[in-house]
């Protein structure tokens, strides 16, 4: 998860009866990622990646998903610093590492299209 979350966020679900209600801090983006970070800290948590696509994103230039690098960096930093309560230096490291893996994932995805 700290390198990069390869499981799609669009269709994430968790059982609140099993894991309890997950509360996160109020951040504008990456809420589903923040919830998953909290879930994976619980014992016996597992995730499954389905082979078929259940949904897909439509990214537009005016959408919240279409960010400039500075805003994307800040949203990832907020995720690790505010929601995961990592110290500033560690949050910045995880942010850089996560974005690096994101670029690799995108290049691999574009190559396979």
N, C-alpha and C. Protein backbone atom coordinates (compact mmCIF):
# COMPACT_ATOMS: atom_id res chain seq x y z
N UNK A 1 0.81 -1.20 0.00
CA UNK A 1 0.00 0.00 0.00
C UNK A 1 0.85 1.27 0.00
N UNK A 2 1.99 1.24 0.69
CA UNK A 2 2.81 2.45 0.73
C UNK A 2 3.57 2.65 -0.58
N UNK A 3 3.87 1.56 -1.28
CA UNK A 3 4.49 1.70 -2.60
C UNK A 3 3.45 2.20 -3.59
N UNK A 4 2.41 1.41 -3.76
CA UNK A 4 1.32 1.80 -4.65
C UNK A 4 0.18 0.80 -4.45
N UNK A 5 -1.02 1.26 -4.50
CA UNK A 5 -2.17 0.38 -4.33
C UNK A 5 -2.62 -0.10 -5.70
N UNK A 6 -2.34 -1.35 -6.01
CA UNK A 6 -2.66 -1.88 -7.33
C UNK A 6 -4.11 -2.33 -7.45
N UNK A 7 -4.82 -2.39 -6.35
CA UNK A 7 -6.23 -2.76 -6.40
C UNK A 7 -7.02 -1.48 -6.64
N UNK A 8 -7.93 -1.52 -7.60
CA UNK A 8 -8.71 -0.33 -7.93
C UNK A 8 -9.56 0.15 -6.77
N UNK A 9 -9.67 1.44 -6.64
CA UNK A 9 -10.41 2.04 -5.54
C UNK A 9 -11.90 2.19 -5.84
N UNK A 10 -12.26 2.17 -7.09
CA UNK A 10 -13.63 2.49 -7.48
C UNK A 10 -14.66 1.53 -6.89
N UNK A 11 -14.30 0.28 -6.76
CA UNK A 11 -15.27 -0.71 -6.30
C UNK A 11 -14.90 -1.32 -4.96
N UNK A 12 -14.18 -0.61 -4.13
CA UNK A 12 -13.78 -1.11 -2.83
C UNK A 12 -14.98 -1.21 -1.89
N UNK A 13 -15.06 -2.33 -1.18
CA UNK A 13 -16.08 -2.53 -0.15
C UNK A 13 -15.43 -3.21 1.04
N UNK A 14 -15.96 -2.98 2.21
CA UNK A 14 -15.52 -3.72 3.39
C UNK A 14 -16.73 -4.00 4.27
N UNK A 15 -16.61 -5.03 5.10
CA UNK A 15 -17.70 -5.45 5.96
C UNK A 15 -17.57 -4.73 7.30
N UNK A 16 -18.43 -3.76 7.55
CA UNK A 16 -18.38 -2.97 8.79
C UNK A 16 -18.75 -3.82 10.00
N UNK A 17 -19.51 -4.89 9.82
CA UNK A 17 -19.84 -5.76 10.95
C UNK A 17 -18.60 -6.52 11.42
N UNK A 18 -17.72 -6.84 10.50
CA UNK A 18 -16.49 -7.57 10.85
C UNK A 18 -15.41 -6.62 11.36
N UNK A 19 -15.19 -5.49 10.66
CA UNK A 19 -14.07 -4.61 10.96
C UNK A 19 -14.46 -3.37 11.75
N UNK A 20 -15.74 -3.12 11.91
CA UNK A 20 -16.17 -1.92 12.59
C UNK A 20 -16.18 -0.74 11.63
N UNK A 21 -16.73 0.36 12.09
CA UNK A 21 -16.80 1.57 11.28
C UNK A 21 -15.42 2.22 11.23
N UNK A 22 -14.92 2.49 10.04
CA UNK A 22 -13.62 3.11 9.85
C UNK A 22 -13.84 4.62 9.71
N UNK A 23 -13.26 5.38 10.60
CA UNK A 23 -13.33 6.84 10.56
C UNK A 23 -11.99 7.39 10.09
N UNK A 24 -12.04 8.34 9.18
CA UNK A 24 -10.81 8.99 8.71
C UNK A 24 -10.97 10.49 8.86
N UNK A 25 -9.85 11.18 8.79
CA UNK A 25 -9.88 12.64 8.86
C UNK A 25 -10.44 13.20 7.56
N UNK A 26 -10.89 14.42 7.62
CA UNK A 26 -11.53 15.07 6.48
C UNK A 26 -10.47 15.57 5.49
N UNK A 27 -10.24 14.77 4.44
CA UNK A 27 -9.36 15.19 3.36
C UNK A 27 -10.19 15.21 2.08
N UNK A 28 -9.81 16.03 1.14
CA UNK A 28 -10.63 16.19 -0.07
C UNK A 28 -10.51 15.01 -1.03
N UNK A 29 -9.36 14.35 -1.04
CA UNK A 29 -9.12 13.25 -1.98
C UNK A 29 -8.55 12.06 -1.24
N UNK A 30 -8.53 10.92 -1.92
CA UNK A 30 -7.93 9.69 -1.41
C UNK A 30 -8.63 9.12 -0.18
N UNK A 31 -9.91 9.42 -0.01
CA UNK A 31 -10.64 8.89 1.14
C UNK A 31 -10.68 7.37 1.14
N UNK A 32 -10.90 6.78 -0.02
CA UNK A 32 -10.96 5.31 -0.10
C UNK A 32 -9.60 4.70 0.20
N UNK A 33 -8.54 5.36 -0.24
CA UNK A 33 -7.19 4.90 0.06
C UNK A 33 -6.93 4.97 1.57
N UNK A 34 -7.38 6.07 2.21
CA UNK A 34 -7.21 6.24 3.65
C UNK A 34 -7.95 5.16 4.42
N UNK A 35 -9.15 4.82 3.96
CA UNK A 35 -9.91 3.75 4.62
C UNK A 35 -9.15 2.43 4.49
N UNK A 36 -8.63 2.17 3.30
CA UNK A 36 -7.91 0.91 3.10
C UNK A 36 -6.64 0.86 3.95
N UNK A 37 -5.93 1.97 4.11
CA UNK A 37 -4.76 1.98 4.99
C UNK A 37 -5.14 1.59 6.42
N UNK A 38 -6.29 2.08 6.88
CA UNK A 38 -6.74 1.73 8.23
C UNK A 38 -7.16 0.25 8.31
N UNK A 39 -7.82 -0.23 7.28
CA UNK A 39 -8.24 -1.63 7.26
C UNK A 39 -7.06 -2.59 7.31
N UNK A 40 -6.01 -2.29 6.57
CA UNK A 40 -4.87 -3.20 6.48
C UNK A 40 -4.07 -3.24 7.77
N UNK A 41 -4.31 -2.32 8.67
CA UNK A 41 -3.64 -2.37 9.97
C UNK A 41 -4.32 -3.35 10.92
N UNK A 42 -5.52 -3.76 10.58
CA UNK A 42 -6.26 -4.71 11.43
C UNK A 42 -5.79 -6.13 11.13
N UNK A 43 -5.76 -6.98 12.15
CA UNK A 43 -5.31 -8.36 11.90
C UNK A 43 -6.28 -9.11 10.99
N UNK A 44 -5.75 -10.04 10.25
CA UNK A 44 -6.53 -10.92 9.37
C UNK A 44 -7.26 -10.19 8.26
N UNK A 45 -6.77 -9.03 7.86
CA UNK A 45 -7.37 -8.31 6.74
C UNK A 45 -6.78 -8.83 5.44
N UNK A 46 -7.62 -9.05 4.47
CA UNK A 46 -7.13 -9.45 3.16
C UNK A 46 -7.95 -8.73 2.09
N UNK A 47 -7.39 -8.66 0.92
CA UNK A 47 -8.07 -8.02 -0.21
C UNK A 47 -8.01 -8.97 -1.39
N UNK A 48 -8.99 -8.91 -2.23
CA UNK A 48 -9.06 -9.75 -3.41
C UNK A 48 -9.15 -8.89 -4.64
N UNK A 49 -8.40 -9.26 -5.64
CA UNK A 49 -8.40 -8.56 -6.92
C UNK A 49 -9.16 -9.41 -7.92
N UNK A 50 -10.27 -8.89 -8.42
CA UNK A 50 -11.06 -9.62 -9.40
C UNK A 50 -10.43 -9.49 -10.77
N UNK A 51 -10.57 -10.50 -11.59
CA UNK A 51 -9.99 -10.46 -12.94
C UNK A 51 -10.81 -9.61 -13.89
N UNK A 52 -12.09 -9.47 -13.64
CA UNK A 52 -12.91 -8.67 -14.53
C UNK A 52 -13.09 -7.26 -13.98
N UNK A 53 -13.30 -6.31 -14.87
CA UNK A 53 -13.57 -4.93 -14.48
C UNK A 53 -15.05 -4.79 -14.18
N UNK A 54 -15.34 -4.23 -13.01
CA UNK A 54 -16.73 -3.99 -12.64
C UNK A 54 -17.15 -2.55 -12.94
N UNK A 55 -16.17 -1.69 -13.13
CA UNK A 55 -16.45 -0.29 -13.43
C UNK A 55 -15.19 0.32 -14.01
N UNK A 56 -15.33 1.51 -14.57
CA UNK A 56 -14.15 2.22 -15.05
C UNK A 56 -14.35 3.71 -14.88
N UNK A 57 -13.23 4.41 -14.76
CA UNK A 57 -13.25 5.85 -14.59
C UNK A 57 -13.35 6.55 -15.93
N UNK A 58 -13.97 7.68 -15.91
CA UNK A 58 -13.93 8.60 -17.04
C UNK A 58 -13.30 9.88 -16.51
N UNK A 59 -12.08 10.13 -16.88
CA UNK A 59 -11.34 11.28 -16.37
C UNK A 59 -11.52 12.44 -17.34
N UNK A 60 -11.96 13.55 -16.80
CA UNK A 60 -12.11 14.77 -17.59
C UNK A 60 -11.17 15.82 -17.04
N UNK A 61 -10.85 16.81 -17.84
CA UNK A 61 -9.91 17.85 -17.41
C UNK A 61 -10.44 18.65 -16.23
N UNK A 62 -11.73 18.72 -16.04
CA UNK A 62 -12.29 19.49 -14.94
C UNK A 62 -12.62 18.61 -13.74
N UNK A 63 -12.34 17.32 -13.82
CA UNK A 63 -12.68 16.42 -12.71
C UNK A 63 -11.65 16.52 -11.60
N UNK A 64 -12.01 16.06 -10.42
CA UNK A 64 -11.10 16.08 -9.28
C UNK A 64 -9.95 15.11 -9.49
N UNK A 65 -10.12 14.11 -10.36
CA UNK A 65 -9.08 13.13 -10.62
C UNK A 65 -7.98 13.67 -11.54
N UNK A 66 -8.24 14.75 -12.22
CA UNK A 66 -7.27 15.31 -13.16
C UNK A 66 -6.50 16.42 -12.47
N UNK A 67 -5.38 16.06 -11.86
CA UNK A 67 -4.62 17.00 -11.05
C UNK A 67 -3.30 17.39 -11.69
N UNK A 68 -2.85 18.54 -11.33
CA UNK A 68 -1.49 18.94 -11.63
C UNK A 68 -0.59 18.25 -10.60
N UNK A 69 0.69 18.16 -10.91
CA UNK A 69 1.61 17.43 -10.04
C UNK A 69 1.60 17.97 -8.61
N UNK A 70 1.64 19.29 -8.43
CA UNK A 70 1.70 19.88 -7.09
C UNK A 70 0.48 19.51 -6.25
N UNK A 71 -0.70 19.56 -6.85
CA UNK A 71 -1.92 19.21 -6.11
C UNK A 71 -1.97 17.71 -5.82
N UNK A 72 -1.53 16.91 -6.78
CA UNK A 72 -1.50 15.46 -6.58
C UNK A 72 -0.53 15.11 -5.45
N UNK A 73 0.64 15.76 -5.44
CA UNK A 73 1.62 15.53 -4.37
C UNK A 73 1.01 15.89 -3.02
N UNK A 74 0.35 17.05 -2.94
CA UNK A 74 -0.25 17.49 -1.68
C UNK A 74 -1.34 16.53 -1.22
N UNK A 75 -2.16 16.04 -2.13
CA UNK A 75 -3.24 15.13 -1.71
C UNK A 75 -2.66 13.81 -1.19
N UNK A 76 -1.59 13.32 -1.80
CA UNK A 76 -0.96 12.10 -1.29
C UNK A 76 -0.24 12.36 0.04
N UNK A 77 0.39 13.51 0.14
CA UNK A 77 1.05 13.87 1.39
C UNK A 77 0.03 13.95 2.53
N UNK A 78 -1.10 14.61 2.28
CA UNK A 78 -2.16 14.70 3.29
C UNK A 78 -2.65 13.32 3.71
N UNK A 79 -2.74 12.42 2.75
CA UNK A 79 -3.16 11.05 3.05
C UNK A 79 -2.23 10.42 4.08
N UNK A 80 -0.95 10.47 3.84
CA UNK A 80 0.00 9.81 4.73
C UNK A 80 0.24 10.59 6.01
N UNK A 81 0.24 11.93 5.93
CA UNK A 81 0.54 12.74 7.11
C UNK A 81 -0.68 12.90 8.02
N UNK A 82 -1.81 13.29 7.45
CA UNK A 82 -3.00 13.55 8.27
C UNK A 82 -3.76 12.27 8.62
N UNK A 83 -4.04 11.46 7.61
CA UNK A 83 -4.88 10.28 7.86
C UNK A 83 -4.11 9.13 8.48
N UNK A 84 -2.89 8.90 8.03
CA UNK A 84 -2.11 7.80 8.55
C UNK A 84 -1.19 8.25 9.69
N UNK A 85 -1.18 9.56 9.98
CA UNK A 85 -0.45 10.15 11.09
C UNK A 85 1.04 9.83 11.08
N UNK A 86 1.63 9.86 9.89
CA UNK A 86 3.07 9.69 9.76
C UNK A 86 3.75 11.04 9.96
N UNK A 87 4.97 11.06 10.51
CA UNK A 87 5.70 12.34 10.61
C UNK A 87 5.92 12.93 9.22
N UNK A 88 6.15 14.23 9.16
CA UNK A 88 6.24 14.95 7.88
C UNK A 88 7.27 14.34 6.94
N UNK A 89 8.45 14.02 7.43
CA UNK A 89 9.50 13.48 6.56
C UNK A 89 9.10 12.11 6.01
N UNK A 90 8.53 11.27 6.85
CA UNK A 90 8.09 9.93 6.43
C UNK A 90 6.94 10.06 5.43
N UNK A 91 6.01 10.97 5.69
CA UNK A 91 4.89 11.19 4.77
C UNK A 91 5.39 11.66 3.41
N UNK A 92 6.38 12.54 3.40
CA UNK A 92 6.94 13.01 2.13
C UNK A 92 7.63 11.86 1.39
N UNK A 93 8.35 11.02 2.12
CA UNK A 93 9.01 9.86 1.51
C UNK A 93 7.98 8.92 0.89
N UNK A 94 6.94 8.56 1.65
CA UNK A 94 5.89 7.67 1.12
C UNK A 94 5.20 8.30 -0.09
N UNK A 95 5.01 9.61 -0.06
CA UNK A 95 4.37 10.30 -1.18
C UNK A 95 5.22 10.17 -2.43
N UNK A 96 6.52 10.44 -2.32
CA UNK A 96 7.42 10.33 -3.48
C UNK A 96 7.45 8.89 -4.00
N UNK A 97 7.59 7.95 -3.10
CA UNK A 97 7.66 6.54 -3.46
C UNK A 97 6.36 6.11 -4.15
N UNK A 98 5.23 6.50 -3.58
CA UNK A 98 3.92 6.13 -4.13
C UNK A 98 3.72 6.72 -5.52
N UNK A 99 4.11 7.96 -5.72
CA UNK A 99 3.94 8.59 -7.02
C UNK A 99 4.88 7.98 -8.05
N UNK A 100 6.08 7.59 -7.64
CA UNK A 100 7.02 6.91 -8.54
C UNK A 100 6.39 5.61 -9.05
N UNK A 101 5.86 4.82 -8.15
CA UNK A 101 5.21 3.57 -8.55
C UNK A 101 3.97 3.84 -9.41
N UNK A 102 3.28 4.94 -9.14
CA UNK A 102 2.13 5.31 -9.95
C UNK A 102 2.50 5.58 -11.40
N UNK A 103 3.64 6.25 -11.60
CA UNK A 103 4.13 6.51 -12.96
C UNK A 103 4.47 5.19 -13.66
N UNK A 104 5.12 4.29 -12.92
CA UNK A 104 5.45 2.97 -13.50
C UNK A 104 4.18 2.20 -13.88
N UNK A 105 3.18 2.25 -13.00
CA UNK A 105 1.92 1.56 -13.28
C UNK A 105 1.26 2.14 -14.53
N UNK A 106 1.24 3.46 -14.64
CA UNK A 106 0.61 4.10 -15.79
C UNK A 106 1.33 3.77 -17.08
N UNK A 107 2.66 3.78 -17.06
CA UNK A 107 3.44 3.44 -18.25
C UNK A 107 3.20 1.99 -18.67
N UNK A 108 3.13 1.09 -17.70
CA UNK A 108 2.85 -0.31 -17.98
C UNK A 108 1.44 -0.49 -18.55
N UNK A 109 0.49 0.24 -17.98
CA UNK A 109 -0.90 0.17 -18.46
C UNK A 109 -1.00 0.68 -19.90
N UNK A 110 -0.36 1.80 -20.19
CA UNK A 110 -0.41 2.39 -21.54
C UNK A 110 0.28 1.48 -22.55
N UNK A 111 1.33 0.78 -22.13
CA UNK A 111 2.05 -0.13 -23.01
C UNK A 111 1.18 -1.34 -23.37
N UNK A 112 0.32 -1.75 -22.46
CA UNK A 112 -0.52 -2.94 -22.67
C UNK A 112 -1.84 -2.64 -23.36
N UNK A 113 -2.12 -1.38 -23.67
CA UNK A 113 -3.39 -1.05 -24.33
C UNK A 113 -3.30 -1.33 -25.83
